[in-house]
């Protein structure tokens, strides 16, 4: 497998975690977001949307969108499972992952923030936009998992929810958000005891700046 990503891309970070949890090796190919390498013709031939990550499978397929990639990995490598067996719990785990994937991350990613700048918003306003988006989303996540057993988001093993929460918490720090979520921070601490999460962190990637 070949994973096309970027060390600071939280969507790429999620897939790195999933690959690590599954014990799956992948060749890492970096595309520098700030230099626009994801918009070059060679990458657009792989992913016409120009978003990271993209995963080339061993049989030549190209998969895009981190949620689709991670669920694909969970289907071809069922152990350890990233979703609970119980349908209600599966829906709850997916809901938390989708809060990050659909409601937080897209609204504070590089493309959206640049559009705000292009519309004449000052840097303080842009940073405030990103921080507020993160705060509102993680407030909801904290409430949704408050009654779930730990040490992870939904019990004693990491799930899709943890894979999405941990990189988003990293983004919260990057935007100077005050961390006010004890349940989320506790699951992050549990995750960072695992090699898969340690090895996926942006600071230890080969292309880290």
C-alpha atoms as a PDB file:
ATOM      1  CA  UNK A   1       0.000   0.000   0.000  1.00  0.00           C
ATOM      2  CA  UNK A   2       1.003   3.612  -0.591  1.00  0.00           C
ATOM      3  CA  UNK A   3      -0.347   6.378   1.620  1.00  0.00           C
ATOM      4  CA  UNK A   4      -0.283   9.827   0.067  1.00  0.00           C
ATOM      5  CA  UNK A   5      -0.429  12.364   2.881  1.00  0.00           C
ATOM      6  CA  UNK A   6       1.260  15.167   4.747  1.00  0.00           C
ATOM      7  CA  UNK A   7       2.602  15.109   8.282  1.00  0.00           C
ATOM      8  CA  UNK A   8       0.338  17.895   9.577  1.00  0.00           C
ATOM      9  CA  UNK A   9      -2.818  16.820   7.724  1.00  0.00           C
ATOM     10  CA  UNK A  10      -5.172  15.531  10.421  1.00  0.00           C
ATOM     11  CA  UNK A  11      -7.009  13.395   7.862  1.00  0.00           C
ATOM     12  CA  UNK A  12      -3.706  11.710   6.953  1.00  0.00           C
ATOM     13  CA  UNK A  13      -2.900  11.397  10.665  1.00  0.00           C
ATOM     14  CA  UNK A  14      -6.128   9.414  11.184  1.00  0.00           C
ATOM     15  CA  UNK A  15      -5.211   6.923   8.464  1.00  0.00           C
ATOM     16  CA  UNK A  16      -1.700   6.511   9.874  1.00  0.00           C
ATOM     17  CA  UNK A  17      -3.237   5.611  13.236  1.00  0.00           C
ATOM     18  CA  UNK A  18      -5.594   3.083  11.650  1.00  0.00           C
ATOM     19  CA  UNK A  19      -2.772   1.479   9.673  1.00  0.00           C
ATOM     20  CA  UNK A  20      -0.747   1.198  12.871  1.00  0.00           C
ATOM     21  CA  UNK A  21      -3.604  -0.352  14.848  1.00  0.00           C
ATOM     22  CA  UNK A  22      -4.077  -2.893  12.070  1.00  0.00           C
ATOM     23  CA  UNK A  23      -0.344  -3.649  11.885  1.00  0.00           C
ATOM     24  CA  UNK A  24      -0.402  -2.728   8.190  1.00  0.00           C
ATOM     25  CA  UNK A  25       2.693  -1.303   6.527  1.00  0.00           C
ATOM     26  CA  UNK A  26       2.329   1.446   3.929  1.00  0.00           C
ATOM     27  CA  UNK A  27       4.853   3.437   1.925  1.00  0.00           C
ATOM     28  CA  UNK A  28       4.446   7.104   2.833  1.00  0.00           C
ATOM     29  CA  UNK A  29       4.491   9.701   0.061  1.00  0.00           C
ATOM     30  CA  UNK A  30       4.359  13.327   1.197  1.00  0.00           C
ATOM     31  CA  UNK A  31       2.578  16.151  -0.616  1.00  0.00           C
ATOM     32  CA  UNK A  32       3.353  19.535   0.942  1.00  0.00           C
ATOM     33  CA  UNK A  33       0.043  21.345   1.477  1.00  0.00           C
ATOM     34  CA  UNK A  34       1.460  24.835   1.934  1.00  0.00           C
ATOM     35  CA  UNK A  35       3.450  24.492  -1.283  1.00  0.00           C
ATOM     36  CA  UNK A  36       0.358  23.338  -3.151  1.00  0.00           C
ATOM     37  CA  UNK A  37       1.774  19.950  -4.091  1.00  0.00           C
ATOM     38  CA  UNK A  38      -1.694  18.399  -3.641  1.00  0.00           C
ATOM     39  CA  UNK A  39      -2.874  20.483  -6.592  1.00  0.00           C
ATOM     40  CA  UNK A  40      -0.199  19.284  -9.021  1.00  0.00           C
ATOM     41  CA  UNK A  41      -1.372  17.201 -12.020  1.00  0.00           C
ATOM     42  CA  UNK A  42       0.345  14.040 -10.790  1.00  0.00           C
ATOM     43  CA  UNK A  43      -1.646  14.030  -7.561  1.00  0.00           C
ATOM     44  CA  UNK A  44      -4.897  15.197  -9.168  1.00  0.00           C
ATOM     45  CA  UNK A  45      -4.638  12.136 -11.403  1.00  0.00           C
ATOM     46  CA  UNK A  46      -4.939  10.079  -8.218  1.00  0.00           C
ATOM     47  CA  UNK A  47      -7.519  12.221  -6.447  1.00  0.00           C
ATOM     48  CA  UNK A  48      -9.356  14.767  -8.626  1.00  0.00           C
ATOM     49  CA  UNK A  49     -10.551  16.542  -5.469  1.00  0.00           C
ATOM     50  CA  UNK A  50      -6.955  17.335  -4.571  1.00  0.00           C
ATOM     51  CA  UNK A  51      -7.416  16.363  -0.931  1.00  0.00           C
ATOM     52  CA  UNK A  52      -5.184  14.294   1.304  1.00  0.00           C
ATOM     53  CA  UNK A  53      -4.981  11.454   2.080  1.00  0.00           C
ATOM     54  CA  UNK A  54      -5.236   9.002  -0.762  1.00  0.00           C
ATOM     55  CA  UNK A  55      -4.443   5.315  -0.362  1.00  0.00           C
ATOM     56  CA  UNK A  56      -3.192   3.182  -3.234  1.00  0.00           C
ATOM     57  CA  UNK A  57      -4.038  -0.446  -2.512  1.00  0.00           C
ATOM     58  CA  UNK A  58      -1.811  -3.344  -3.462  1.00  0.00           C
ATOM     59  CA  UNK A  59      -4.198  -4.279  -6.277  1.00  0.00           C
ATOM     60  CA  UNK A  60      -4.086  -0.832  -7.847  1.00  0.00           C
ATOM     61  CA  UNK A  61      -7.194   0.878  -6.486  1.00  0.00           C
ATOM     62  CA  UNK A  62      -7.030   4.461  -5.221  1.00  0.00           C
ATOM     63  CA  UNK A  63      -9.180   5.244  -2.183  1.00  0.00           C
ATOM     64  CA  UNK A  64      -9.915   8.741  -0.922  1.00  0.00           C
ATOM     65  CA  UNK A  65     -11.574  10.302   2.140  1.00  0.00           C
ATOM     66  CA  UNK A  66     -10.156   9.193   5.481  1.00  0.00           C
ATOM     67  CA  UNK A  67     -13.433   7.743   6.772  1.00  0.00           C
ATOM     68  CA  UNK A  68     -13.854   5.547   3.699  1.00  0.00           C
ATOM     69  CA  UNK A  69     -10.201   4.473   3.842  1.00  0.00           C
ATOM     70  CA  UNK A  70     -10.354   3.553   7.529  1.00  0.00           C
ATOM     71  CA  UNK A  71     -13.582   1.589   7.151  1.00  0.00           C
ATOM     72  CA  UNK A  72     -12.020  -0.226   4.186  1.00  0.00           C
ATOM     73  CA  UNK A  73      -9.061  -1.172   6.382  1.00  0.00           C
ATOM     74  CA  UNK A  74     -11.459  -2.360   9.079  1.00  0.00           C
ATOM     75  CA  UNK A  75     -13.240  -4.566   6.563  1.00  0.00           C
ATOM     76  CA  UNK A  76     -10.161  -6.193   5.032  1.00  0.00           C
ATOM     77  CA  UNK A  77      -8.325  -6.443   8.378  1.00  0.00           C
ATOM     78  CA  UNK A  78     -11.091  -7.126  10.904  1.00  0.00           C
ATOM     79  CA  UNK A  79      -8.833  -7.432  13.942  1.00  0.00           C
ATOM     80  CA  UNK A  80      -8.633  -5.376  16.033  1.00  0.00           C
ATOM     81  CA  UNK A  81     -12.111  -4.083  15.248  1.00  0.00           C
ATOM     82  CA  UNK A  82     -12.524  -0.324  15.103  1.00  0.00           C
ATOM     83  CA  UNK A  83     -16.306  -0.447  15.484  1.00  0.00           C
ATOM     84  CA  UNK A  84     -18.337  -2.174  18.221  1.00  0.00           C
ATOM     85  CA  UNK A  85     -20.543  -5.158  17.402  1.00  0.00           C
ATOM     86  CA  UNK A  86     -23.664  -3.593  18.907  1.00  0.00           C
ATOM     87  CA  UNK A  87     -25.517  -1.524  16.250  1.00  0.00           C
ATOM     88  CA  UNK A  88     -26.373   1.299  18.648  1.00  0.00           C
ATOM     89  CA  UNK A  89     -22.783   1.612  19.826  1.00  0.00           C
ATOM     90  CA  UNK A  90     -21.560   1.466  16.232  1.00  0.00           C
ATOM     91  CA  UNK A  91     -23.843   4.381  15.393  1.00  0.00           C
ATOM     92  CA  UNK A  92     -22.594   6.355  18.398  1.00  0.00           C
ATOM     93  CA  UNK A  93     -18.952   5.775  17.466  1.00  0.00           C
ATOM     94  CA  UNK A  94     -19.630   6.800  13.873  1.00  0.00           C
ATOM     95  CA  UNK A  95     -21.481   9.913  15.057  1.00  0.00           C
ATOM     96  CA  UNK A  96     -18.478  11.117  17.058  1.00  0.00           C
ATOM     97  CA  UNK A  97     -16.134  10.454  14.138  1.00  0.00           C
ATOM     98  CA  UNK A  98     -18.487  12.347  11.822  1.00  0.00           C
ATOM     99  CA  UNK A  99     -18.683  15.359  14.150  1.00  0.00           C
ATOM    100  CA  UNK A 100     -14.959  15.723  13.593  1.00  0.00           C
ATOM    101  CA  UNK A 101     -14.920  14.696   9.930  1.00  0.00           C
ATOM    102  CA  UNK A 102     -17.988  16.647   8.786  1.00  0.00           C
ATOM    103  CA  UNK A 103     -18.580  19.494  11.231  1.00  0.00           C
ATOM    104  CA  UNK A 104     -15.235  20.531  12.725  1.00  0.00           C
ATOM    105  CA  UNK A 105     -12.433  19.700  10.345  1.00  0.00           C
ATOM    106  CA  UNK A 106     -13.844  20.996   7.029  1.00  0.00           C
ATOM    107  CA  UNK A 107     -14.705  24.389   8.523  1.00  0.00           C
ATOM    108  CA  UNK A 108     -11.243  24.998   9.957  1.00  0.00           C
ATOM    109  CA  UNK A 109      -9.031  23.456   7.316  1.00  0.00           C
ATOM    110  CA  UNK A 110      -6.437  25.279   5.261  1.00  0.00           C
ATOM    111  CA  UNK A 111      -8.665  25.892   2.221  1.00  0.00           C
ATOM    112  CA  UNK A 112     -11.524  27.450   4.208  1.00  0.00           C
ATOM    113  CA  UNK A 113      -9.215  29.618   6.303  1.00  0.00           C
ATOM    114  CA  UNK A 114      -7.504  30.889   3.158  1.00  0.00           C
ATOM    115  CA  UNK A 115     -10.863  31.785   1.662  1.00  0.00           C
ATOM    116  CA  UNK A 116     -11.652  33.826   4.757  1.00  0.00           C
ATOM    117  CA  UNK A 117      -8.378  35.707   4.261  1.00  0.00           C
ATOM    118  CA  UNK A 118      -9.180  36.200   0.578  1.00  0.00           C
ATOM    119  CA  UNK A 119     -12.521  37.725   1.603  1.00  0.00           C
ATOM    120  CA  UNK A 120     -10.677  40.317   3.634  1.00  0.00           C
ATOM    121  CA  UNK A 121     -10.892  38.882   7.131  1.00  0.00           C
ATOM    122  CA  UNK A 122      -7.909  39.667   9.328  1.00  0.00           C
ATOM    123  CA  UNK A 123      -5.703  36.983  10.779  1.00  0.00           C
ATOM    124  CA  UNK A 124      -7.201  37.410  14.248  1.00  0.00           C
ATOM    125  CA  UNK A 125     -10.670  36.782  12.831  1.00  0.00           C
ATOM    126  CA  UNK A 126      -9.469  33.748  10.897  1.00  0.00           C
ATOM    127  CA  UNK A 127      -7.856  32.225  13.972  1.00  0.00           C
ATOM    128  CA  UNK A 128     -10.958  32.991  16.051  1.00  0.00           C
ATOM    129  CA  UNK A 129     -13.147  31.271  13.438  1.00  0.00           C
ATOM    130  CA  UNK A 130     -11.024  28.115  13.590  1.00  0.00           C
ATOM    131  CA  UNK A 131     -10.836  28.098  17.391  1.00  0.00           C
ATOM    132  CA  UNK A 132     -14.588  28.616  17.828  1.00  0.00           C
ATOM    133  CA  UNK A 133     -15.373  25.820  15.384  1.00  0.00           C
ATOM    134  CA  UNK A 134     -13.112  23.434  17.285  1.00  0.00           C
ATOM    135  CA  UNK A 135     -14.488  24.459  20.677  1.00  0.00           C
ATOM    136  CA  UNK A 136     -18.115  23.974  19.680  1.00  0.00           C
ATOM    137  CA  UNK A 137     -17.459  20.575  18.132  1.00  0.00           C
ATOM    138  CA  UNK A 138     -15.357  19.202  20.972  1.00  0.00           C
ATOM    139  CA  UNK A 139     -17.865  20.505  23.523  1.00  0.00           C
ATOM    140  CA  UNK A 140     -20.426  18.239  21.859  1.00  0.00           C
ATOM    141  CA  UNK A 141     -18.036  15.282  21.714  1.00  0.00           C
ATOM    142  CA  UNK A 142     -17.201  15.672  25.418  1.00  0.00           C
ATOM    143  CA  UNK A 143     -20.895  15.495  26.290  1.00  0.00           C
ATOM    144  CA  UNK A 144     -21.600  12.543  23.992  1.00  0.00           C
ATOM    145  CA  UNK A 145     -18.857  10.358  25.486  1.00  0.00           C
ATOM    146  CA  UNK A 146     -19.176  11.520  29.097  1.00  0.00           C
ATOM    147  CA  UNK A 147     -21.189   8.445  30.148  1.00  0.00           C
ATOM    148  CA  UNK A 148     -19.141   5.950  28.141  1.00  0.00           C
ATOM    149  CA  UNK A 149     -16.690   3.655  29.931  1.00  0.00           C
ATOM    150  CA  UNK A 150     -13.000   4.332  29.429  1.00  0.00           C
ATOM    151  CA  UNK A 151     -10.176   4.530  29.167  1.00  0.00           C
ATOM    152  CA  UNK A 152     -10.890   5.125  25.467  1.00  0.00           C
ATOM    153  CA  UNK A 153     -13.870   6.972  24.002  1.00  0.00           C
ATOM    154  CA  UNK A 154     -16.092   3.886  24.007  1.00  0.00           C
ATOM    155  CA  UNK A 155     -14.562   1.335  26.294  1.00  0.00           C
ATOM    156  CA  UNK A 156     -11.335  -0.540  26.777  1.00  0.00           C
ATOM    157  CA  UNK A 157     -10.121  -0.551  23.159  1.00  0.00           C
ATOM    158  CA  UNK A 158      -9.655   2.325  20.704  1.00  0.00           C
ATOM    159  CA  UNK A 159     -12.328   2.812  18.076  1.00  0.00           C
ATOM    160  CA  UNK A 160     -12.969   4.988  15.063  1.00  0.00           C
ATOM    161  CA  UNK A 161     -13.943   7.734  17.520  1.00  0.00           C
ATOM    162  CA  UNK A 162     -10.492   7.830  19.146  1.00  0.00           C
ATOM    163  CA  UNK A 163      -8.829   7.843  15.734  1.00  0.00           C
ATOM    164  CA  UNK A 164     -10.717  11.040  14.913  1.00  0.00           C
ATOM    165  CA  UNK A 165     -10.596  12.760  18.290  1.00  0.00           C
ATOM    166  CA  UNK A 166      -6.836  12.574  18.903  1.00  0.00           C
ATOM    167  CA  UNK A 167      -5.744  14.414  15.715  1.00  0.00           C
ATOM    168  CA  UNK A 168      -8.477  16.996  16.231  1.00  0.00           C
ATOM    169  CA  UNK A 169      -7.169  17.649  19.728  1.00  0.00           C
ATOM    170  CA  UNK A 170      -3.775  18.197  18.110  1.00  0.00           C
ATOM    171  CA  UNK A 171      -5.383  20.806  15.866  1.00  0.00           C
ATOM    172  CA  UNK A 172      -6.959  22.440  18.910  1.00  0.00           C
ATOM    173  CA  UNK A 173      -3.505  22.958  20.363  1.00  0.00           C
ATOM    174  CA  UNK A 174      -2.218  24.317  17.066  1.00  0.00           C
ATOM    175  CA  UNK A 175      -4.918  26.987  17.059  1.00  0.00           C
ATOM    176  CA  UNK A 176      -4.278  27.905  20.689  1.00  0.00           C
ATOM    177  CA  UNK A 177      -7.575  26.535  21.979  1.00  0.00           C
ATOM    178  CA  UNK A 178      -7.749  26.175  25.755  1.00  0.00           C
ATOM    179  CA  UNK A 179      -8.276  22.482  26.481  1.00  0.00           C
ATOM    180  CA  UNK A 180     -11.337  22.175  28.707  1.00  0.00           C
ATOM    181  CA  UNK A 181     -12.381  18.587  28.038  1.00  0.00           C
ATOM    182  CA  UNK A 182     -11.236  16.189  30.792  1.00  0.00           C
ATOM    183  CA  UNK A 183     -12.876  13.111  29.252  1.00  0.00           C
ATOM    184  CA  UNK A 184     -11.309  13.801  25.844  1.00  0.00           C
ATOM    185  CA  UNK A 185      -7.917  14.515  27.361  1.00  0.00           C
ATOM    186  CA  UNK A 186      -8.097  11.278  29.361  1.00  0.00           C
ATOM    187  CA  UNK A 187      -8.767   9.207  26.244  1.00  0.00           C
ATOM    188  CA  UNK A 188      -5.940  10.971  24.462  1.00  0.00           C
ATOM    189  CA  UNK A 189      -3.583  10.009  27.291  1.00  0.00           C
ATOM    190  CA  UNK A 190      -4.710   6.383  26.981  1.00  0.00           C
ATOM    191  CA  UNK A 191      -4.237   6.438  23.216  1.00  0.00           C
ATOM    192  CA  UNK A 192      -0.748   7.888  23.482  1.00  0.00           C
ATOM    193  CA  UNK A 193       0.341   4.822  25.437  1.00  0.00           C
ATOM    194  CA  UNK A 194      -0.142   2.789  22.249  1.00  0.00           C
ATOM    195  CA  UNK A 195       2.567   2.458  19.610  1.00  0.00           C
ATOM    196  CA  UNK A 196       0.092   3.048  16.760  1.00  0.00           C
ATOM    197  CA  UNK A 197      -0.786   6.489  18.071  1.00  0.00           C
ATOM    198  CA  UNK A 198       2.804   7.370  18.968  1.00  0.00           C
ATOM    199  CA  UNK A 199       4.114   6.398  15.527  1.00  0.00           C
ATOM    200  CA  UNK A 200       1.369   8.358  13.735  1.00  0.00           C
ATOM    201  CA  UNK A 201       2.036  11.679  15.480  1.00  0.00           C
ATOM    202  CA  UNK A 202       3.043  14.518  13.141  1.00  0.00           C
ATOM    203  CA  UNK A 203       6.233  15.298  15.071  1.00  0.00           C
ATOM    204  CA  UNK A 204       7.767  11.906  14.243  1.00  0.00           C
ATOM    205  CA  UNK A 205       6.905  11.784  10.542  1.00  0.00           C
ATOM    206  CA  UNK A 206       9.763  11.849   8.003  1.00  0.00           C
ATOM    207  CA  UNK A 207       8.398  15.007   6.359  1.00  0.00           C
ATOM    208  CA  UNK A 208       7.893  16.908   9.639  1.00  0.00           C
ATOM    209  CA  UNK A 209       9.249  20.432   9.417  1.00  0.00           C
END
